[in-house]
């Protein structure tokens, strides 16, 4: 397998002055799709971590019998979001124009 330089690995052109007013190539947005389920899961985990951090700082009194079910419910919402995103993308990929 041939090794390439860092710029070639990510699809950057050698001539960076074309195509962008600041003199560098625009980022390639087609590398991976947006996954809202991962965003929801990350926000839920950050929220629970912030709550426990505030508890450790003495600002809040977070009871585990509230925070852990909230975490579980939030992760279930993230899973549902991922499933709906998958179903939507699968369905829209099968759609054909009625020309």
Protein backbone atom coordinates (compact mmCIF):
# COMPACT_ATOMS: atom_id res chain seq x y z
CA UNK A 1 0.00 0.00 0.00
CA UNK A 2 1.41 3.34 -1.05
CA UNK A 3 1.59 6.05 1.59
CA UNK A 4 0.52 9.52 0.66
CA UNK A 5 1.16 12.86 2.20
CA UNK A 6 -1.31 14.30 4.68
CA UNK A 7 -2.93 16.68 2.17
CA UNK A 8 -3.50 14.01 -0.46
CA UNK A 9 -5.04 11.65 2.06
CA UNK A 10 -7.92 14.03 2.71
CA UNK A 11 -8.51 14.98 -0.92
CA UNK A 12 -6.80 18.38 -0.92
CA UNK A 13 -5.57 19.71 -4.22
CA UNK A 14 -2.00 20.84 -4.78
CA UNK A 15 -3.23 24.22 -6.09
CA UNK A 16 -5.07 25.68 -3.12
CA UNK A 17 -5.66 29.09 -4.67
CA UNK A 18 -8.54 27.99 -6.94
CA UNK A 19 -12.11 27.66 -5.75
CA UNK A 20 -12.01 29.58 -2.47
CA UNK A 21 -11.61 33.32 -1.87
CA UNK A 22 -9.25 32.90 1.09
CA UNK A 23 -6.77 30.85 -0.92
CA UNK A 24 -7.49 27.38 0.47
CA UNK A 25 -9.75 24.59 -0.64
CA UNK A 26 -13.26 24.37 0.76
CA UNK A 27 -13.79 21.41 3.11
CA UNK A 28 -15.26 18.27 1.61
CA UNK A 29 -18.72 17.92 3.22
CA UNK A 30 -19.48 14.56 1.58
CA UNK A 31 -17.18 12.50 3.78
CA UNK A 32 -19.84 11.24 6.17
CA UNK A 33 -23.52 11.92 6.79
CA UNK A 34 -24.87 13.86 9.75
CA UNK A 35 -26.08 11.47 12.46
CA UNK A 36 -28.60 13.16 14.77
CA UNK A 37 -28.83 10.11 17.07
CA UNK A 38 -25.19 10.51 18.05
CA UNK A 39 -25.76 14.21 18.66
CA UNK A 40 -28.71 13.46 20.97
CA UNK A 41 -26.74 10.78 22.83
CA UNK A 42 -23.79 13.13 23.30
CA UNK A 43 -25.98 15.92 24.60
CA UNK A 44 -27.74 13.57 27.04
CA UNK A 45 -24.44 12.26 28.40
CA UNK A 46 -23.04 15.80 28.66
CA UNK A 47 -26.16 16.87 30.54
CA UNK A 48 -25.90 14.04 33.07
CA UNK A 49 -22.17 14.66 33.45
CA UNK A 50 -22.83 18.36 34.06
CA UNK A 51 -25.45 17.48 36.67
CA UNK A 52 -23.03 15.19 38.49
CA UNK A 53 -20.32 17.85 38.19
CA UNK A 54 -22.62 20.41 39.79
CA UNK A 55 -23.37 17.86 42.50
CA UNK A 56 -19.66 17.36 43.14
CA UNK A 57 -19.19 21.13 43.33
CA UNK A 58 -21.94 21.35 45.93
CA UNK A 59 -24.29 23.46 43.79
CA UNK A 60 -26.99 20.84 43.19
CA UNK A 61 -28.21 17.79 45.00
CA UNK A 62 -28.51 15.15 42.26
CA UNK A 63 -30.07 11.88 43.36
CA UNK A 64 -29.02 8.78 41.39
CA UNK A 65 -32.62 7.52 41.30
CA UNK A 66 -33.43 10.56 39.15
CA UNK A 67 -30.27 10.95 37.07
CA UNK A 68 -29.83 7.33 35.98
CA UNK A 69 -33.39 6.89 34.64
CA UNK A 70 -33.02 10.26 32.90
CA UNK A 71 -29.84 8.94 31.28
CA UNK A 72 -31.59 5.73 30.25
CA UNK A 73 -34.57 7.61 28.78
CA UNK A 74 -32.27 10.01 26.95
CA UNK A 75 -30.31 7.17 25.41
CA UNK A 76 -33.58 5.53 24.36
CA UNK A 77 -34.57 8.78 22.64
CA UNK A 78 -31.17 8.79 20.91
CA UNK A 79 -31.73 5.21 19.74
CA UNK A 80 -35.17 6.12 18.43
CA UNK A 81 -33.70 9.12 16.64
CA UNK A 82 -31.06 6.90 15.01
CA UNK A 83 -33.67 4.35 13.95
CA UNK A 84 -35.90 7.01 12.44
CA UNK A 85 -32.95 8.59 10.63
CA UNK A 86 -31.96 5.20 9.21
CA UNK A 87 -35.52 4.48 8.06
CA UNK A 88 -35.89 7.91 6.50
CA UNK A 89 -32.59 7.66 4.62
CA UNK A 90 -33.35 4.14 3.47
CA UNK A 91 -36.77 5.17 2.20
CA UNK A 92 -35.50 8.32 0.49
CA UNK A 93 -32.73 6.29 -1.17
CA UNK A 94 -35.30 4.00 -2.78
CA UNK A 95 -37.50 6.83 -4.04
CA UNK A 96 -37.42 7.29 -7.80
CA UNK A 97 -38.71 10.29 -9.74
CA UNK A 98 -41.97 9.83 -11.63
CA UNK A 99 -40.66 11.27 -14.92
